[in-house]
């Protein structure tokens, strides 16, 4: 990743942040049915979404560090 420009790193960081917050929205939205009653995700679905969210958080942290180092 050292060969990426600061603009490229920023773009990748934006995409990672966007996907991370989309997952958070998906978790929140799936937790309630159309009538506003809490329905909940299956344990497997929640685990998969949660794992992806935290994976993206670690990538976001790495990209932020790289972006700061290149500035």
PDB file of N, CA and C in Angstrom:
ATOM      1  N   UNK A   1       0.809  -1.199   0.000  1.00  0.00           N
ATOM      2  CA  UNK A   1       0.000   0.000   0.000  1.00  0.00           C
ATOM      3  C   UNK A   1       0.850   1.261   0.000  1.00  0.00           C
ATOM      4  N   UNK A   2       2.130   1.096   0.178  1.00  0.00           N
ATOM      5  CA  UNK A   2       3.006   2.265   0.211  1.00  0.00           C
ATOM      6  C   UNK A   2       3.104   2.960  -1.131  1.00  0.00           C
ATOM      7  N   UNK A   3       2.731   2.266  -2.211  1.00  0.00           N
ATOM      8  CA  UNK A   3       2.809   2.877  -3.532  1.00  0.00           C
ATOM      9  C   UNK A   3       1.535   3.638  -3.914  1.00  0.00           C
ATOM     10  N   UNK A   4       0.560   3.683  -3.024  1.00  0.00           N
ATOM     11  CA  UNK A   4      -0.673   4.430  -3.285  1.00  0.00           C
ATOM     12  C   UNK A   4      -0.498   5.889  -2.913  1.00  0.00           C
ATOM     13  N   UNK A   5      -1.105   6.750  -3.700  1.00  0.00           N
ATOM     14  CA  UNK A   5      -1.049   8.182  -3.403  1.00  0.00           C
ATOM     15  C   UNK A   5      -2.006   8.502  -2.248  1.00  0.00           C
ATOM     16  N   UNK A   6      -1.809   9.650  -1.600  1.00  0.00           N
ATOM     17  CA  UNK A   6      -2.746  10.042  -0.540  1.00  0.00           C
ATOM     18  C   UNK A   6      -4.199  10.113  -1.023  1.00  0.00           C
ATOM     19  N   UNK A   7      -4.409  10.545  -2.265  1.00  0.00           N
ATOM     20  CA  UNK A   7      -5.769  10.601  -2.809  1.00  0.00           C
ATOM     21  C   UNK A   7      -6.363   9.207  -2.961  1.00  0.00           C
ATOM     22  N   UNK A   8      -5.556   8.259  -3.399  1.00  0.00           N
ATOM     23  CA  UNK A   8      -6.031   6.884  -3.539  1.00  0.00           C
ATOM     24  C   UNK A   8      -6.353   6.282  -2.171  1.00  0.00           C
ATOM     25  N   UNK A   9      -5.488   6.531  -1.191  1.00  0.00           N
ATOM     26  CA  UNK A   9      -5.748   6.043   0.158  1.00  0.00           C
ATOM     27  C   UNK A   9      -7.030   6.645   0.721  1.00  0.00           C
ATOM     28  N   UNK A  10      -7.234   7.928   0.480  1.00  0.00           N
ATOM     29  CA  UNK A  10      -8.446   8.587   0.965  1.00  0.00           C
ATOM     30  C   UNK A  10      -9.700   8.001   0.323  1.00  0.00           C
ATOM     31  N   UNK A  11      -9.620   7.704  -0.953  1.00  0.00           N
ATOM     32  CA  UNK A  11     -10.756   7.102  -1.654  1.00  0.00           C
ATOM     33  C   UNK A  11     -11.067   5.720  -1.071  1.00  0.00           C
ATOM     34  N   UNK A  12     -10.039   4.907  -0.880  1.00  0.00           N
ATOM     35  CA  UNK A  12     -10.240   3.574  -0.304  1.00  0.00           C
ATOM     36  C   UNK A  12     -10.809   3.697   1.099  1.00  0.00           C
ATOM     37  N   UNK A  13     -10.289   4.633   1.876  1.00  0.00           N
ATOM     38  CA  UNK A  13     -10.790   4.860   3.232  1.00  0.00           C
ATOM     39  C   UNK A  13     -12.265   5.251   3.203  1.00  0.00           C
ATOM     40  N   UNK A  14     -12.653   6.101   2.282  1.00  0.00           N
ATOM     41  CA  UNK A  14     -14.061   6.503   2.158  1.00  0.00           C
ATOM     42  C   UNK A  14     -14.952   5.313   1.831  1.00  0.00           C
ATOM     43  N   UNK A  15     -14.486   4.451   0.943  1.00  0.00           N
ATOM     44  CA  UNK A  15     -15.268   3.261   0.582  1.00  0.00           C
ATOM     45  C   UNK A  15     -15.413   2.312   1.767  1.00  0.00           C
ATOM     46  N   UNK A  16     -14.337   2.126   2.522  1.00  0.00           N
ATOM     47  CA  UNK A  16     -14.373   1.257   3.698  1.00  0.00           C
ATOM     48  C   UNK A  16     -15.335   1.827   4.733  1.00  0.00           C
ATOM     49  N   UNK A  17     -15.242   3.141   4.988  1.00  0.00           N
ATOM     50  CA  UNK A  17     -16.137   3.777   5.953  1.00  0.00           C
ATOM     51  C   UNK A  17     -17.592   3.638   5.509  1.00  0.00           C
ATOM     52  N   UNK A  18     -17.841   3.826   4.232  1.00  0.00           N
ATOM     53  CA  UNK A  18     -19.200   3.719   3.709  1.00  0.00           C
ATOM     54  C   UNK A  18     -19.756   2.317   3.914  1.00  0.00           C
ATOM     55  N   UNK A  19     -18.960   1.302   3.594  1.00  0.00           N
ATOM     56  CA  UNK A  19     -19.426  -0.079   3.765  1.00  0.00           C
ATOM     57  C   UNK A  19     -19.644  -0.388   5.248  1.00  0.00           C
ATOM     58  N   UNK A  20     -18.737   0.102   6.092  1.00  0.00           N
ATOM     59  CA  UNK A  20     -18.854  -0.141   7.531  1.00  0.00           C
ATOM     60  C   UNK A  20     -20.165   0.444   8.080  1.00  0.00           C
ATOM     61  N   UNK A  21     -20.477   1.664   7.702  1.00  0.00           N
ATOM     62  CA  UNK A  21     -21.703   2.278   8.209  1.00  0.00           C
ATOM     63  C   UNK A  21     -22.953   1.691   7.567  1.00  0.00           C
ATOM     64  N   UNK A  22     -22.827   1.173   6.338  1.00  0.00           N
ATOM     65  CA  UNK A  22     -23.957   0.472   5.721  1.00  0.00           C
ATOM     66  C   UNK A  22     -24.272  -0.799   6.493  1.00  0.00           C
ATOM     67  N   UNK A  23     -23.233  -1.500   6.925  1.00  0.00           N
ATOM     68  CA  UNK A  23     -23.437  -2.713   7.725  1.00  0.00           C
ATOM     69  C   UNK A  23     -24.118  -2.363   9.042  1.00  0.00           C
ATOM     70  N   UNK A  24     -23.674  -1.281   9.686  1.00  0.00           N
ATOM     71  CA  UNK A  24     -24.303  -0.859  10.942  1.00  0.00           C
ATOM     72  C   UNK A  24     -25.783  -0.550  10.707  1.00  0.00           C
ATOM     73  N   UNK A  25     -26.093   0.121   9.595  1.00  0.00           N
ATOM     74  CA  UNK A  25     -27.496   0.407   9.252  1.00  0.00           C
ATOM     75  C   UNK A  25     -28.271  -0.875   8.995  1.00  0.00           C
ATOM     76  N   UNK A  26     -27.636  -1.825   8.298  1.00  0.00           N
ATOM     77  CA  UNK A  26     -28.297  -3.102   8.021  1.00  0.00           C
ATOM     78  C   UNK A  26     -28.645  -3.828   9.312  1.00  0.00           C
ATOM     79  N   UNK A  27     -27.722  -3.810  10.257  1.00  0.00           N
ATOM     80  CA  UNK A  27     -27.977  -4.464  11.543  1.00  0.00           C
ATOM     81  C   UNK A  27     -29.152  -3.788  12.236  1.00  0.00           C
ATOM     82  N   UNK A  28     -29.151  -2.469  12.263  1.00  0.00           N
ATOM     83  CA  UNK A  28     -30.222  -1.726  12.922  1.00  0.00           C
ATOM     84  C   UNK A  28     -31.565  -1.950  12.223  1.00  0.00           C
ATOM     85  N   UNK A  29     -31.566  -1.871  10.888  1.00  0.00           N
ATOM     86  CA  UNK A  29     -32.815  -2.008  10.135  1.00  0.00           C
ATOM     87  C   UNK A  29     -33.371  -3.418  10.182  1.00  0.00           C
ATOM     88  N   UNK A  30     -32.513  -4.406  10.195  1.00  0.00           N
ATOM     89  CA  UNK A  30     -32.968  -5.794  10.227  1.00  0.00           C
ATOM     90  C   UNK A  30     -33.471  -6.194  11.607  1.00  0.00           C
ATOM     91  N   UNK A  31     -33.141  -5.386  12.582  1.00  0.00           N
ATOM     92  CA  UNK A  31     -33.539  -5.710  13.944  1.00  0.00           C
ATOM     93  C   UNK A  31     -35.014  -5.366  14.204  1.00  0.00           C
ATOM     94  N   UNK A  32     -35.656  -4.671  13.275  1.00  0.00           N
ATOM     95  CA  UNK A  32     -37.047  -4.263  13.445  1.00  0.00           C
ATOM     96  C   UNK A  32     -37.834  -4.622  12.192  1.00  0.00           C
ATOM     97  N   UNK A  33     -39.063  -5.077  12.381  1.00  0.00           N
ATOM     98  CA  UNK A  33     -39.889  -5.399  11.222  1.00  0.00           C
ATOM     99  C   UNK A  33     -40.594  -4.138  10.723  1.00  0.00           C
ATOM    100  N   UNK A  34     -41.435  -4.286   9.705  1.00  0.00           N
ATOM    101  CA  UNK A  34     -42.101  -3.143   9.078  1.00  0.00           C
ATOM    102  C   UNK A  34     -43.010  -2.386  10.040  1.00  0.00           C
ATOM    103  N   UNK A  35     -43.524  -3.071  11.060  1.00  0.00           N
ATOM    104  CA  UNK A  35     -44.398  -2.429  12.036  1.00  0.00           C
ATOM    105  C   UNK A  35     -43.632  -1.789  13.186  1.00  0.00           C
ATOM    106  N   UNK A  36     -42.309  -1.848  13.126  1.00  0.00           N
ATOM    107  CA  UNK A  36     -41.496  -1.261  14.176  1.00  0.00           C
ATOM    108  C   UNK A  36     -41.269  -2.169  15.368  1.00  0.00           C
ATOM    109  N   UNK A  37     -41.738  -3.406  15.248  1.00  0.00           N
ATOM    110  CA  UNK A  37     -41.516  -4.362  16.332  1.00  0.00           C
ATOM    111  C   UNK A  37     -40.148  -5.003  16.162  1.00  0.00           C
ATOM    112  N   UNK A  38     -39.494  -5.229  17.283  1.00  0.00           N
ATOM    113  CA  UNK A  38     -38.169  -5.832  17.212  1.00  0.00           C
ATOM    114  C   UNK A  38     -38.299  -7.286  16.766  1.00  0.00           C
ATOM    115  N   UNK A  39     -37.628  -7.620  15.679  1.00  0.00           N
ATOM    116  CA  UNK A  39     -37.702  -8.978  15.154  1.00  0.00           C
ATOM    117  C   UNK A  39     -36.367  -9.705  15.299  1.00  0.00           C
ATOM    118  N   UNK A  40     -35.305  -8.973  15.145  1.00  0.00           N
ATOM    119  CA  UNK A  40     -33.974  -9.536  15.354  1.00  0.00           C
ATOM    120  C   UNK A  40     -33.440 -10.324  14.175  1.00  0.00           C
ATOM    121  N   UNK A  41     -32.141 -10.315  14.084  1.00  0.00           N
ATOM    122  CA  UNK A  41     -31.432 -11.109  13.091  1.00  0.00           C
ATOM    123  C   UNK A  41     -31.191 -12.497  13.651  1.00  0.00           C
ATOM    124  N   UNK A  42     -30.994 -13.442  12.768  1.00  0.00           N
ATOM    125  CA  UNK A  42     -30.582 -14.752  13.255  1.00  0.00           C
ATOM    126  C   UNK A  42     -29.185 -14.599  13.856  1.00  0.00           C
ATOM    127  N   UNK A  43     -28.843 -15.496  14.739  1.00  0.00           N
ATOM    128  CA  UNK A  43     -27.529 -15.429  15.389  1.00  0.00           C
ATOM    129  C   UNK A  43     -26.410 -15.479  14.347  1.00  0.00           C
ATOM    130  N   UNK A  44     -26.577 -16.324  13.326  1.00  0.00           N
ATOM    131  CA  UNK A  44     -25.561 -16.455  12.282  1.00  0.00           C
ATOM    132  C   UNK A  44     -25.422 -15.167  11.464  1.00  0.00           C
ATOM    133  N   UNK A  45     -26.555 -14.568  11.107  1.00  0.00           N
ATOM    134  CA  UNK A  45     -26.509 -13.318  10.340  1.00  0.00           C
ATOM    135  C   UNK A  45     -25.873 -12.202  11.142  1.00  0.00           C
ATOM    136  N   UNK A  46     -26.251 -12.086  12.415  1.00  0.00           N
ATOM    137  CA  UNK A  46     -25.670 -11.050  13.257  1.00  0.00           C
ATOM    138  C   UNK A  46     -24.169 -11.271  13.411  1.00  0.00           C
ATOM    139  N   UNK A  47     -23.761 -12.503  13.610  1.00  0.00           N
ATOM    140  CA  UNK A  47     -22.332 -12.812  13.765  1.00  0.00           C
ATOM    141  C   UNK A  47     -21.550 -12.451  12.510  1.00  0.00           C
ATOM    142  N   UNK A  48     -22.105 -12.779  11.343  1.00  0.00           N
ATOM    143  CA  UNK A  48     -21.423 -12.482  10.085  1.00  0.00           C
ATOM    144  C   UNK A  48     -21.310 -10.975   9.862  1.00  0.00           C
ATOM    145  N   UNK A  49     -22.405 -10.254  10.084  1.00  0.00           N
ATOM    146  CA  UNK A  49     -22.378  -8.796   9.915  1.00  0.00           C
ATOM    147  C   UNK A  49     -21.458  -8.136  10.935  1.00  0.00           C
ATOM    148  N   UNK A  50     -21.510  -8.606  12.143  1.00  0.00           N
ATOM    149  CA  UNK A  50     -20.661  -8.051  13.194  1.00  0.00           C
ATOM    150  C   UNK A  50     -19.181  -8.289  12.891  1.00  0.00           C
ATOM    151  N   UNK A  51     -18.845  -9.493  12.451  1.00  0.00           N
ATOM    152  CA  UNK A  51     -17.454  -9.809  12.109  1.00  0.00           C
ATOM    153  C   UNK A  51     -16.968  -8.918  10.965  1.00  0.00           C
ATOM    154  N   UNK A  52     -17.807  -8.720   9.963  1.00  0.00           N
ATOM    155  CA  UNK A  52     -17.431  -7.858   8.832  1.00  0.00           C
ATOM    156  C   UNK A  52     -17.263  -6.416   9.287  1.00  0.00           C
ATOM    157  N   UNK A  53     -18.138  -5.944  10.168  1.00  0.00           N
ATOM    158  CA  UNK A  53     -18.032  -4.582  10.688  1.00  0.00           C
ATOM    159  C   UNK A  53     -16.683  -4.384  11.377  1.00  0.00           C
ATOM    160  N   UNK A  54     -16.296  -5.318  12.238  1.00  0.00           N
ATOM    161  CA  UNK A  54     -15.035  -5.166  12.982  1.00  0.00           C
ATOM    162  C   UNK A  54     -13.826  -5.350  12.074  1.00  0.00           C
ATOM    163  N   UNK A  55     -13.945  -6.184  11.057  1.00  0.00           N
ATOM    164  CA  UNK A  55     -12.871  -6.324  10.073  1.00  0.00           C
ATOM    165  C   UNK A  55     -12.664  -4.998   9.340  1.00  0.00           C
ATOM    166  N   UNK A  56     -13.754  -4.385   8.933  1.00  0.00           N
ATOM    167  CA  UNK A  56     -13.673  -3.078   8.266  1.00  0.00           C
ATOM    168  C   UNK A  56     -13.137  -2.007   9.203  1.00  0.00           C
ATOM    169  N   UNK A  57     -13.449  -2.088  10.478  1.00  0.00           N
ATOM    170  CA  UNK A  57     -12.922  -1.131  11.453  1.00  0.00           C
ATOM    171  C   UNK A  57     -11.407  -1.226  11.535  1.00  0.00           C
ATOM    172  N   UNK A  58     -10.886  -2.450  11.507  1.00  0.00           N
ATOM    173  CA  UNK A  58      -9.428  -2.631  11.541  1.00  0.00           C
ATOM    174  C   UNK A  58      -8.780  -2.102  10.254  1.00  0.00           C
ATOM    175  N   UNK A  59      -9.412  -2.344   9.112  1.00  0.00           N
ATOM    176  CA  UNK A  59      -8.907  -1.823   7.841  1.00  0.00           C
ATOM    177  C   UNK A  59      -8.944  -0.297   7.862  1.00  0.00           C
ATOM    178  N   UNK A  60     -10.031   0.260   8.377  1.00  0.00           N
ATOM    179  CA  UNK A  60     -10.168   1.713   8.480  1.00  0.00           C
ATOM    180  C   UNK A  60      -9.039   2.301   9.325  1.00  0.00           C
ATOM    181  N   UNK A  61      -8.730   1.655  10.434  1.00  0.00           N
ATOM    182  CA  UNK A  61      -7.656   2.133  11.304  1.00  0.00           C
ATOM    183  C   UNK A  61      -6.309   2.102  10.580  1.00  0.00           C
ATOM    184  N   UNK A  62      -6.038   1.025   9.868  1.00  0.00           N
ATOM    185  CA  UNK A  62      -4.803   0.913   9.097  1.00  0.00           C
ATOM    186  C   UNK A  62      -4.715   1.996   8.041  1.00  0.00           C
ATOM    187  N   UNK A  63      -5.786   2.189   7.289  1.00  0.00           N
ATOM    188  CA  UNK A  63      -5.797   3.207   6.228  1.00  0.00           C
ATOM    189  C   UNK A  63      -5.649   4.614   6.807  1.00  0.00           C
ATOM    190  N   UNK A  64      -6.266   4.863   7.940  1.00  0.00           N
ATOM    191  CA  UNK A  64      -6.135   6.167   8.580  1.00  0.00           C
ATOM    192  C   UNK A  64      -4.684   6.417   8.976  1.00  0.00           C
ATOM    193  N   UNK A  65      -4.048   5.393   9.522  1.00  0.00           N
ATOM    194  CA  UNK A  65      -2.633   5.509   9.900  1.00  0.00           C
ATOM    195  C   UNK A  65      -1.769   5.772   8.680  1.00  0.00           C
ATOM    196  N   UNK A  66      -2.010   5.031   7.600  1.00  0.00           N
ATOM    197  CA  UNK A  66      -1.229   5.231   6.370  1.00  0.00           C
ATOM    198  C   UNK A  66      -1.466   6.605   5.770  1.00  0.00           C
ATOM    199  N   UNK A  67      -2.720   7.052   5.782  1.00  0.00           N
ATOM    200  CA  UNK A  67      -3.051   8.362   5.240  1.00  0.00           C
ATOM    201  C   UNK A  67      -2.360   9.459   6.031  1.00  0.00           C
ATOM    202  N   UNK A  68      -2.371   9.334   7.343  1.00  0.00           N
ATOM    203  CA  UNK A  68      -1.720  10.325   8.212  1.00  0.00           C
ATOM    204  C   UNK A  68      -0.207  10.321   7.981  1.00  0.00           C
ATOM    205  N   UNK A  69       0.386   9.158   7.818  1.00  0.00           N
ATOM    206  CA  UNK A  69       1.825   9.047   7.602  1.00  0.00           C
ATOM    207  C   UNK A  69       2.256   9.657   6.277  1.00  0.00           C
ATOM    208  N   UNK A  70       1.380   9.602   5.267  1.00  0.00           N
ATOM    209  CA  UNK A  70       1.720  10.151   3.948  1.00  0.00           C
ATOM    210  C   UNK A  70       1.470  11.651   3.857  1.00  0.00           C
ATOM    211  N   UNK A  71       0.768  12.220   4.818  1.00  0.00           N
ATOM    212  CA  UNK A  71       0.445  13.650   4.759  1.00  0.00           C
ATOM    213  C   UNK A  71       1.635  14.497   5.124  1.00  0.00           C
TER     214      UNK A  71
END
